[in-house]
PDB file of all heavy atoms in Angstrom:
ATOM      1  N   ALA A   1       0.842  -1.216   0.000  1.00  0.00           N
ATOM      2  CA  ALA A   1       0.000   0.000   0.000  1.00  0.00           C
ATOM      3  C   ALA A   1       0.866   1.251   0.000  1.00  0.00           C
ATOM      4  O   ALA A   1       0.581   2.235  -0.707  1.00  0.00           O
ATOM      5  CB  ALA A   1      -0.921  -0.029   1.227  1.00  0.00           C
ATOM      6  N   ALA A   2       1.959   1.218   0.817  1.00  0.00           N
ATOM      7  CA  ALA A   2       2.853   2.374   0.849  1.00  0.00           C
ATOM      8  C   ALA A   2       3.524   2.582  -0.498  1.00  0.00           C
ATOM      9  O   ALA A   2       3.687   3.725  -0.957  1.00  0.00           O
ATOM     10  CB  ALA A   2       3.898   2.184   1.947  1.00  0.00           C
ATOM     11  N   ALA A   3       3.921   1.448  -1.126  1.00  0.00           N
ATOM     12  CA  ALA A   3       4.562   1.558  -2.447  1.00  0.00           C
ATOM     13  C   ALA A   3       3.597   2.121  -3.471  1.00  0.00           C
ATOM     14  O   ALA A   3       3.967   2.963  -4.311  1.00  0.00           O
ATOM     15  CB  ALA A   3       5.071   0.186  -2.886  1.00  0.00           C
ATOM     16  N   ARG A   4       2.332   1.666  -3.395  1.00  0.00           N
ATOM     17  CA  ARG A   4       1.348   2.209  -4.340  1.00  0.00           C
ATOM     18  C   ARG A   4       1.139   3.702  -4.104  1.00  0.00           C
ATOM     19  O   ARG A   4       1.039   4.489  -5.056  1.00  0.00           O
ATOM     20  CB  ARG A   4       0.023   1.459  -4.186  1.00  0.00           C
ATOM     21  CG  ARG A   4       0.036   0.062  -4.787  1.00  0.00           C
ATOM     22  CD  ARG A   4      -1.382  -0.488  -4.915  1.00  0.00           C
ATOM     23  NE  ARG A   4      -2.016  -0.619  -3.615  1.00  0.00           N
ATOM     24  CZ  ARG A   4      -1.943  -1.732  -2.878  1.00  0.00           C
ATOM     25  NH1 ARG A   4      -1.238  -2.771  -3.303  1.00  0.00           N
ATOM     26  NH2 ARG A   4      -2.550  -1.794  -1.716  1.00  0.00           N
ATOM     27  N   ALA A   5       1.101   4.059  -2.793  1.00  0.00           N
ATOM     28  CA  ALA A   5       0.920   5.486  -2.493  1.00  0.00           C
ATOM     29  C   ALA A   5       2.102   6.296  -2.997  1.00  0.00           C
ATOM     30  O   ALA A   5       1.933   7.387  -3.572  1.00  0.00           O
ATOM     31  CB  ALA A   5       0.742   5.672  -0.985  1.00  0.00           C
ATOM     32  N   MET A   6       3.316   5.777  -2.792  1.00  0.00           N
ATOM     33  CA  MET A   6       4.509   6.484  -3.260  1.00  0.00           C
ATOM     34  C   MET A   6       4.529   6.566  -4.773  1.00  0.00           C
ATOM     35  O   MET A   6       4.916   7.600  -5.364  1.00  0.00           O
ATOM     36  CB  MET A   6       5.763   5.781  -2.749  1.00  0.00           C
ATOM     37  CG  MET A   6       5.948   5.869  -1.239  1.00  0.00           C
ATOM     38  SD  MET A   6       7.344   4.891  -0.646  1.00  0.00           S
ATOM     39  CE  MET A   6       8.699   5.723  -1.472  1.00  0.00           C
ATOM     40  N   THR A   7       4.112   5.469  -5.429  1.00  0.00           N
ATOM     41  CA  THR A   7       4.078   5.463  -6.894  1.00  0.00           C
ATOM     42  C   THR A   7       3.094   6.501  -7.408  1.00  0.00           C
ATOM     43  O   THR A   7       3.363   7.231  -8.385  1.00  0.00           O
ATOM     44  CB  THR A   7       3.700   4.070  -7.410  1.00  0.00           C
ATOM     45  OG1 THR A   7       4.659   3.120  -6.934  1.00  0.00           O
ATOM     46  CG2 THR A   7       3.665   4.036  -8.927  1.00  0.00           C
ATOM     47  N   GLU A   8       1.941   6.526  -6.737  1.00  0.00           N
ATOM     48  CA  GLU A   8       0.948   7.520  -7.145  1.00  0.00           C
ATOM     49  C   GLU A   8       1.479   8.941  -6.923  1.00  0.00           C
ATOM     50  O   GLU A   8       1.308   9.819  -7.790  1.00  0.00           O
ATOM     51  CB  GLU A   8      -0.340   7.300  -6.351  1.00  0.00           C
ATOM     52  CG  GLU A   8      -1.066   6.009  -6.724  1.00  0.00           C
ATOM     53  CD  GLU A   8      -2.277   5.766  -5.830  1.00  0.00           C
ATOM     54  OE1 GLU A   8      -2.506   6.608  -4.939  1.00  0.00           O
ATOM     55  OE2 GLU A   8      -2.954   4.745  -6.028  1.00  0.00           O
ATOM     56  N   ASP A   9       2.136   9.148  -5.775  1.00  0.00           N
ATOM     57  CA  ASP A   9       2.705  10.478  -5.519  1.00  0.00           C
ATOM     58  C   ASP A   9       3.753  10.828  -6.556  1.00  0.00           C
ATOM     59  O   ASP A   9       3.815  11.981  -7.046  1.00  0.00           O
ATOM     60  CB  ASP A   9       3.322  10.511  -4.109  1.00  0.00           C
ATOM     61  CG  ASP A   9       2.270  10.419  -3.024  1.00  0.00           C
ATOM     62  OD1 ASP A   9       1.084  10.644  -3.333  1.00  0.00           O
ATOM     63  OD2 ASP A   9       2.624  10.093  -1.862  1.00  0.00           O
ATOM     64  N   LEU A  10       4.611   9.815  -6.858  1.00  0.00           N
ATOM     65  CA  LEU A  10       5.649  10.065  -7.848  1.00  0.00           C
ATOM     66  C   LEU A  10       5.053  10.360  -9.219  1.00  0.00           C
ATOM     67  O   LEU A  10       5.518  11.257  -9.953  1.00  0.00           O
ATOM     68  CB  LEU A  10       6.584   8.865  -7.917  1.00  0.00           C
ATOM     69  CG  LEU A  10       7.776   8.976  -8.864  1.00  0.00           C
ATOM     70  CD1 LEU A  10       8.650  10.175  -8.475  1.00  0.00           C
ATOM     71  CD2 LEU A  10       8.605   7.694  -8.869  1.00  0.00           C
ATOM     72  N   SER A  11       4.018   9.604  -9.554  1.00  0.00           N
ATOM     73  CA  SER A  11       3.366   9.833 -10.848  1.00  0.00           C
ATOM     74  C   SER A  11       2.771  11.225 -10.910  1.00  0.00           C
ATOM     75  O   SER A  11       2.888  11.935 -11.933  1.00  0.00           O
ATOM     76  CB  SER A  11       2.273   8.778 -11.078  1.00  0.00           C
ATOM     77  OG  SER A  11       2.838   7.493 -11.132  1.00  0.00           O
ATOM     78  N   MET A  12       2.123  11.604  -9.807  1.00  0.00           N
ATOM     79  CA  MET A  12       1.558  12.948  -9.773  1.00  0.00           C
ATOM     80  C   MET A  12       2.657  13.999  -9.859  1.00  0.00           C
ATOM     81  O   MET A  12       2.523  15.027 -10.564  1.00  0.00           O
ATOM     82  CB  MET A  12       0.751  13.139  -8.484  1.00  0.00           C
ATOM     83  CG  MET A  12      -0.522  12.294  -8.420  1.00  0.00           C
ATOM     84  SD  MET A  12      -1.397  12.509  -6.862  1.00  0.00           S
ATOM     85  CE  MET A  12      -1.821  14.244  -6.972  1.00  0.00           C
ATOM     86  N   GLU A  13       3.775  13.724  -9.176  1.00  0.00           N
ATOM     87  CA  GLU A  13       4.884  14.671  -9.194  1.00  0.00           C
ATOM     88  C   GLU A  13       5.454  14.795 -10.605  1.00  0.00           C
ATOM     89  O   GLU A  13       5.777  15.903 -11.077  1.00  0.00           O
ATOM     90  CB  GLU A  13       5.945  14.199  -8.212  1.00  0.00           C
ATOM     91  CG  GLU A  13       6.932  15.257  -7.767  1.00  0.00           C
ATOM     92  CD  GLU A  13       6.290  16.370  -6.979  1.00  0.00           C
ATOM     93  OE1 GLU A  13       5.305  16.114  -6.257  1.00  0.00           O
ATOM     94  OE2 GLU A  13       6.762  17.500  -7.098  1.00  0.00           O
ATOM     95  N   ARG A  14       5.599  13.633 -11.257  1.00  0.00           N
ATOM     96  CA  ARG A  14       6.127  13.658 -12.631  1.00  0.00           C
ATOM     97  C   ARG A  14       5.154  14.363 -13.565  1.00  0.00           C
ATOM     98  O   ARG A  14       5.562  15.080 -14.485  1.00  0.00           O
ATOM     99  CB  ARG A  14       6.390  12.229 -13.106  1.00  0.00           C
ATOM    100  CG  ARG A  14       7.573  11.557 -12.395  1.00  0.00           C
ATOM    101  CD  ARG A  14       7.778  10.147 -12.928  1.00  0.00           C
ATOM    102  NE  ARG A  14       8.223  10.172 -14.314  1.00  0.00           N
ATOM    103  CZ  ARG A  14       9.499  10.231 -14.689  1.00  0.00           C
ATOM    104  NH1 ARG A  14      10.460  10.285 -13.773  1.00  0.00           N
ATOM    105  NH2 ARG A  14       9.824  10.251 -15.968  1.00  0.00           N
ATOM    106  N   SER A  15       3.870  14.113 -13.294  1.00  0.00           N
ATOM    107  CA  SER A  15       2.884  14.798 -14.151  1.00  0.00           C
ATOM    108  C   SER A  15       2.966  16.306 -13.975  1.00  0.00           C
ATOM    109  O   SER A  15       2.925  17.076 -14.954  1.00  0.00           O
ATOM    110  CB  SER A  15       1.475  14.304 -13.797  1.00  0.00           C
ATOM    111  OG  SER A  15       1.348  12.932 -14.066  1.00  0.00           O
ATOM    112  N   ARG A  16       3.086  16.719 -12.681  1.00  0.00           N
ATOM    113  CA  ARG A  16       3.217  18.161 -12.451  1.00  0.00           C
ATOM    114  C   ARG A  16       4.491  18.725 -13.092  1.00  0.00           C
ATOM    115  O   ARG A  16       4.495  19.799 -13.700  1.00  0.00           O
ATOM    116  CB  ARG A  16       3.207  18.440 -10.941  1.00  0.00           C
ATOM    117  CG  ARG A  16       1.822  18.308 -10.312  1.00  0.00           C
ATOM    118  CD  ARG A  16       1.785  18.974  -8.936  1.00  0.00           C
ATOM    119  NE  ARG A  16       2.682  18.307  -7.987  1.00  0.00           N
ATOM    120  CZ  ARG A  16       2.305  17.318  -7.203  1.00  0.00           C
ATOM    121  NH1 ARG A  16       1.062  16.854  -7.253  1.00  0.00           N
ATOM    122  NH2 ARG A  16       3.175  16.767  -6.371  1.00  0.00           N
ATOM    123  N   LEU A  17       5.585  17.949 -12.934  1.00  0.00           N
ATOM    124  CA  LEU A  17       6.848  18.394 -13.520  1.00  0.00           C
ATOM    125  C   LEU A  17       6.758  18.478 -15.037  1.00  0.00           C
ATOM    126  O   LEU A  17       7.245  19.447 -15.675  1.00  0.00           O
ATOM    127  CB  LEU A  17       7.967  17.435 -13.095  1.00  0.00           C
ATOM    128  CG  LEU A  17       9.364  17.761 -13.629  1.00  0.00           C
ATOM    129  CD1 LEU A  17       9.789  19.159 -13.162  1.00  0.00           C
ATOM    130  CD2 LEU A  17      10.376  16.719 -13.192  1.00  0.00           C
ATOM    131  N   SER A  18       6.113  17.476 -15.632  1.00  0.00           N
ATOM    132  CA  SER A  18       5.946  17.491 -17.097  1.00  0.00           C
ATOM    133  C   SER A  18       5.122  18.695 -17.531  1.00  0.00           C
ATOM    134  O   SER A  18       5.423  19.356 -18.550  1.00  0.00           O
ATOM    135  CB  SER A  18       5.271  16.201 -17.568  1.00  0.00           C
ATOM    136  OG  SER A  18       6.081  15.088 -17.272  1.00  0.00           O
ATOM    137  N   ALA A  19       4.055  18.967 -16.733  1.00  0.00           N
ATOM    138  CA  ALA A  19       3.222  20.125 -17.077  1.00  0.00           C
ATOM    139  C   ALA A  19       4.013  21.426 -16.981  1.00  0.00           C
ATOM    140  O   ALA A  19       3.894  22.341 -17.823  1.00  0.00           O
ATOM    141  CB  ALA A  19       2.009  20.167 -16.152  1.00  0.00           C
ATOM    142  N   ILE A  20       4.858  21.513 -15.953  1.00  0.00           N
ATOM    143  CA  ILE A  20       5.678  22.720 -15.782  1.00  0.00           C
ATOM    144  C   ILE A  20       6.657  22.865 -16.936  1.00  0.00           C
ATOM    145  O   ILE A  20       6.826  23.950 -17.517  1.00  0.00           O
ATOM    146  CB  ILE A  20       6.420  22.666 -14.432  1.00  0.00           C
ATOM    147  CG1 ILE A  20       5.408  22.774 -13.278  1.00  0.00           C
ATOM    148  CG2 ILE A  20       7.468  23.774 -14.339  1.00  0.00           C
ATOM    149  CD1 ILE A  20       6.017  22.547 -11.921  1.00  0.00           C
ATOM    150  N   LEU A  21       7.307  21.751 -17.280  1.00  0.00           N
ATOM    151  CA  LEU A  21       8.280  21.803 -18.367  1.00  0.00           C
ATOM    152  C   LEU A  21       7.618  22.158 -19.685  1.00  0.00           C
ATOM    153  O   LEU A  21       8.161  22.940 -20.497  1.00  0.00           O
ATOM    154  CB  LEU A  21       8.991  20.445 -18.483  1.00  0.00           C
ATOM    155  CG  LEU A  21       9.893  20.053 -17.296  1.00  0.00           C
ATOM    156  CD1 LEU A  21      10.449  18.665 -17.503  1.00  0.00           C
ATOM    157  CD2 LEU A  21      11.030  21.064 -17.152  1.00  0.00           C
ATOM    158  N   GLU A  22       6.434  21.559 -19.861  1.00  0.00           N
ATOM    159  CA  GLU A  22       5.732  21.843 -21.115  1.00  0.00           C
ATOM    160  C   GLU A  22       5.288  23.307 -21.176  1.00  0.00           C
ATOM    161  O   GLU A  22       5.353  23.965 -22.209  1.00  0.00           O
ATOM    162  CB  GLU A  22       4.537  20.908 -21.254  1.00  0.00           C
ATOM    163  CG  GLU A  22       3.819  21.055 -22.588  1.00  0.00           C
ATOM    164  CD  GLU A  22       2.687  20.069 -22.740  1.00  0.00           C
ATOM    165  OE1 GLU A  22       2.547  19.161 -21.870  1.00  0.00           O
ATOM    166  OE2 GLU A  22       1.940  20.181 -23.712  1.00  0.00           O
ATOM    167  N   GLY A  23       4.859  23.791 -20.015  1.00  0.00           N
ATOM    168  CA  GLY A  23       4.379  25.192 -19.993  1.00  0.00           C
ATOM    169  C   GLY A  23       5.513  26.188 -20.135  1.00  0.00           C
ATOM    170  O   GLY A  23       5.333  27.280 -20.699  1.00  0.00           O
ATOM    171  N   THR A  24       6.680  25.860 -19.643  1.00  0.00           N
ATOM    172  CA  THR A  24       7.814  26.799 -19.705  1.00  0.00           C
ATOM    173  C   THR A  24       8.693  26.540 -20.918  1.00  0.00           C
ATOM    174  O   THR A  24       9.700  27.228 -21.100  1.00  0.00           O
ATOM    175  CB  THR A  24       8.654  26.669 -18.426  1.00  0.00           C
ATOM    176  OG1 THR A  24       9.068  25.310 -18.291  1.00  0.00           O
ATOM    177  CG2 THR A  24       7.863  27.087 -17.209  1.00  0.00           C
ATOM    178  N   ARG A  25       8.371  25.543 -21.723  1.00  0.00           N
ATOM    179  CA  ARG A  25       9.107  25.190 -22.929  1.00  0.00           C
ATOM    180  C   ARG A  25      10.588  24.997 -22.618  1.00  0.00           C
ATOM    181  O   ARG A  25      11.483  25.588 -23.231  1.00  0.00           O
ATOM    182  CB  ARG A  25       8.921  26.251 -24.005  1.00  0.00           C
ATOM    183  CG  ARG A  25       7.442  26.442 -24.398  1.00  0.00           C
ATOM    184  CD  ARG A  25       7.301  27.475 -25.501  1.00  0.00           C
ATOM    185  NE  ARG A  25       7.870  27.016 -26.755  1.00  0.00           N
ATOM    186  CZ  ARG A  25       7.292  26.186 -27.611  1.00  0.00           C
ATOM    187  NH1 ARG A  25       6.069  25.700 -27.350  1.00  0.00           N
ATOM    188  NH2 ARG A  25       7.889  25.805 -28.739  1.00  0.00           N
ATOM    189  N   VAL A  26      10.848  24.127 -21.603  1.00  0.00           N
ATOM    190  CA  VAL A  26      12.201  23.825 -21.176  1.00  0.00           C
ATOM    191  C   VAL A  26      12.625  22.505 -21.825  1.00  0.00           C
ATOM    192  O   VAL A  26      11.871  21.536 -21.844  1.00  0.00           O
ATOM    193  CB  VAL A  26      12.288  23.710 -19.648  1.00  0.00           C
ATOM    194  CG1 VAL A  26      13.670  23.240 -19.233  1.00  0.00           C
ATOM    195  CG2 VAL A  26      11.974  25.047 -19.024  1.00  0.00           C
ATOM    196  N   GLY A  27      13.833  22.495 -22.336  1.00  0.00           N
ATOM    197  CA  GLY A  27      14.380  21.254 -22.887  1.00  0.00           C
ATOM    198  C   GLY A  27      15.137  20.498 -21.805  1.00  0.00           C
ATOM    199  O   GLY A  27      15.899  21.096 -21.046  1.00  0.00           O
ATOM    200  N   THR A  28      14.941  19.215 -21.731  1.00  0.00           N
ATOM    201  CA  THR A  28      15.594  18.394 -20.691  1.00  0.00           C
ATOM    202  C   THR A  28      16.283  17.188 -21.304  1.00  0.00           C
ATOM    203  O   THR A  28      15.893  16.702 -22.385  1.00  0.00           O
ATOM    204  CB  THR A  28      14.563  17.897 -19.657  1.00  0.00           C
ATOM    205  OG1 THR A  28      13.643  17.027 -20.316  1.00  0.00           O
ATOM    206  CG2 THR A  28      13.810  19.063 -19.036  1.00  0.00           C
ATOM    207  N   TRP A  29      17.320  16.771 -20.589  1.00  0.00           N
ATOM    208  CA  TRP A  29      17.955  15.498 -20.938  1.00  0.00           C
ATOM    209  C   TRP A  29      18.380  14.796 -19.661  1.00  0.00           C
ATOM    210  O   TRP A  29      18.665  15.436 -18.659  1.00  0.00           O
ATOM    211  CB  TRP A  29      19.142  15.704 -21.874  1.00  0.00           C
ATOM    212  CG  TRP A  29      20.271  16.516 -21.248  1.00  0.00           C
ATOM    213  CD1 TRP A  29      20.359  17.861 -21.148  1.00  0.00           C
ATOM    214  CD2 TRP A  29      21.442  15.986 -20.643  1.00  0.00           C
ATOM    215  NE1 TRP A  29      21.485  18.250 -20.524  1.00  0.00           N
ATOM    216  CE2 TRP A  29      22.204  17.081 -20.193  1.00  0.00           C
ATOM    217  CE3 TRP A  29      21.941  14.684 -20.429  1.00  0.00           C
ATOM    218  CZ2 TRP A  29      23.420  16.951 -19.558  1.00  0.00           C
ATOM    219  CZ3 TRP A  29      23.155  14.562 -19.810  1.00  0.00           C
ATOM    220  CH2 TRP A  29      23.897  15.688 -19.364  1.00  0.00           C
ATOM    221  N   GLU A  30      18.350  13.471 -19.711  1.00  0.00           N
ATOM    222  CA  GLU A  30      18.686  12.655 -18.538  1.00  0.00           C
ATOM    223  C   GLU A  30      19.718  11.605 -18.954  1.00  0.00           C
ATOM    224  O   GLU A  30      19.623  11.021 -20.028  1.00  0.00           O
ATOM    225  CB  GLU A  30      17.431  11.947 -17.994  1.00  0.00           C
ATOM    226  CG  GLU A  30      16.298  12.886 -17.625  1.00  0.00           C
ATOM    227  CD  GLU A  30      15.027  12.118 -17.278  1.00  0.00           C
ATOM    228  OE1 GLU A  30      15.141  11.035 -16.641  1.00  0.00           O
ATOM    229  OE2 GLU A  30      13.937  12.563 -17.638  1.00  0.00           O
ATOM    230  N   TRP A  31      20.668  11.429 -18.048  1.00  0.00           N
ATOM    231  CA  TRP A  31      21.730  10.439 -18.317  1.00  0.00           C
ATOM    232  C   TRP A  31      21.918   9.577 -17.081  1.00  0.00           C
ATOM    233  O   TRP A  31      22.254  10.069 -16.008  1.00  0.00           O
ATOM    234  CB  TRP A  31      23.035  11.173 -18.687  1.00  0.00           C
ATOM    235  CG  TRP A  31      24.217  10.219 -18.878  1.00  0.00           C
ATOM    236  CD1 TRP A  31      24.198   8.986 -19.395  1.00  0.00           C
ATOM    237  CD2 TRP A  31      25.571  10.492 -18.528  1.00  0.00           C
ATOM    238  NE1 TRP A  31      25.431   8.415 -19.416  1.00  0.00           N
ATOM    239  CE2 TRP A  31      26.329   9.349 -18.889  1.00  0.00           C
ATOM    240  CE3 TRP A  31      26.241  11.597 -17.981  1.00  0.00           C
ATOM    241  CZ2 TRP A  31      27.708   9.276 -18.714  1.00  0.00           C
ATOM    242  CZ3 TRP A  31      27.615  11.502 -17.814  1.00  0.00           C
ATOM    243  CH2 TRP A  31      28.340  10.354 -18.169  1.00  0.00           C
ATOM    244  N   ASN A  32      21.656   8.257 -17.224  1.00  0.00           N
ATOM    245  CA  ASN A  32      21.899   7.275 -16.149  1.00  0.00           C
ATOM    246  C   ASN A  32      23.352   6.842 -16.244  1.00  0.00           C
ATOM    247  O   ASN A  32      23.742   6.128 -17.157  1.00  0.00           O
ATOM    248  CB  ASN A  32      20.970   6.066 -16.295  1.00  0.00           C
ATOM    249  CG  ASN A  32      21.044   5.130 -15.099  1.00  0.00           C
ATOM    250  OD1 ASN A  32      22.095   4.919 -14.533  1.00  0.00           O
ATOM    251  ND2 ASN A  32      19.897   4.572 -14.722  1.00  0.00           N
ATOM    252  N   VAL A  33      24.154   7.357 -15.301  1.00  0.00           N
ATOM    253  CA  VAL A  33      25.587   7.126 -15.368  1.00  0.00           C
ATOM    254  C   VAL A  33      25.912   5.634 -15.319  1.00  0.00           C
ATOM    255  O   VAL A  33      26.857   5.156 -15.938  1.00  0.00           O
ATOM    256  CB  VAL A  33      26.298   7.875 -14.219  1.00  0.00           C
ATOM    257  CG1 VAL A  33      27.787   7.604 -14.234  1.00  0.00           C
ATOM    258  CG2 VAL A  33      26.032   9.358 -14.318  1.00  0.00           C
ATOM    259  N   GLN A  34      25.097   4.829 -14.523  1.00  0.00           N
ATOM    260  CA  GLN A  34      25.401   3.401 -14.361  1.00  0.00           C
ATOM    261  C   GLN A  34      25.040   2.589 -15.600  1.00  0.00           C
ATOM    262  O   GLN A  34      25.806   1.729 -16.029  1.00  0.00           O
ATOM    263  CB  GLN A  34      24.655   2.862 -13.152  1.00  0.00           C
ATOM    264  CG  GLN A  34      25.177   3.430 -11.834  1.00  0.00           C
ATOM    265  CD  GLN A  34      24.379   2.922 -10.646  1.00  0.00           C
ATOM    266  OE1 GLN A  34      23.174   2.795 -10.723  1.00  0.00           O
ATOM    267  NE2 GLN A  34      25.075   2.648  -9.552  1.00  0.00           N
ATOM    268  N   SER A  35      23.841   2.859 -16.152  1.00  0.00           N
ATOM    269  CA  SER A  35      23.404   2.048 -17.296  1.00  0.00           C
ATOM    270  C   SER A  35      23.763   2.674 -18.641  1.00  0.00           C
ATOM    271  O   SER A  35      23.725   1.989 -19.667  1.00  0.00           O
ATOM    272  CB  SER A  35      21.884   1.846 -17.224  1.00  0.00           C
ATOM    273  OG  SER A  35      21.212   3.087 -17.398  1.00  0.00           O
ATOM    274  N   GLY A  36      24.076   3.946 -18.624  1.00  0.00           N
ATOM    275  CA  GLY A  36      24.389   4.626 -19.880  1.00  0.00           C
ATOM    276  C   GLY A  36      23.170   5.092 -20.636  1.00  0.00           C
ATOM    277  O   GLY A  36      23.279   5.702 -21.710  1.00  0.00           O
ATOM    278  N   GLU A  37      21.960   4.811 -20.109  1.00  0.00           N
ATOM    279  CA  GLU A  37      20.729   5.208 -20.815  1.00  0.00           C
ATOM    280  C   GLU A  37      20.600   6.735 -20.818  1.00  0.00           C
ATOM    281  O   GLU A  37      20.829   7.389 -19.796  1.00  0.00           O
ATOM    282  CB  GLU A  37      19.527   4.570 -20.114  1.00  0.00           C
ATOM    283  CG  GLU A  37      18.210   4.895 -20.788  1.00  0.00           C
ATOM    284  CD  GLU A  37      17.024   4.308 -20.037  1.00  0.00           C
ATOM    285  OE1 GLU A  37      17.233   3.704 -18.953  1.00  0.00           O
ATOM    286  OE2 GLU A  37      15.881   4.447 -20.522  1.00  0.00           O
TER     287      GLU A  37
END
């Protein structure tokens, strides 16, 4: 239940972040140093 709650919070957070990025027209990039992705 806690994991589901955290996942939901994270999803909401990502959604808010995506909305902010989309609204501010910010370009982003992510690099996973361990996997190289």
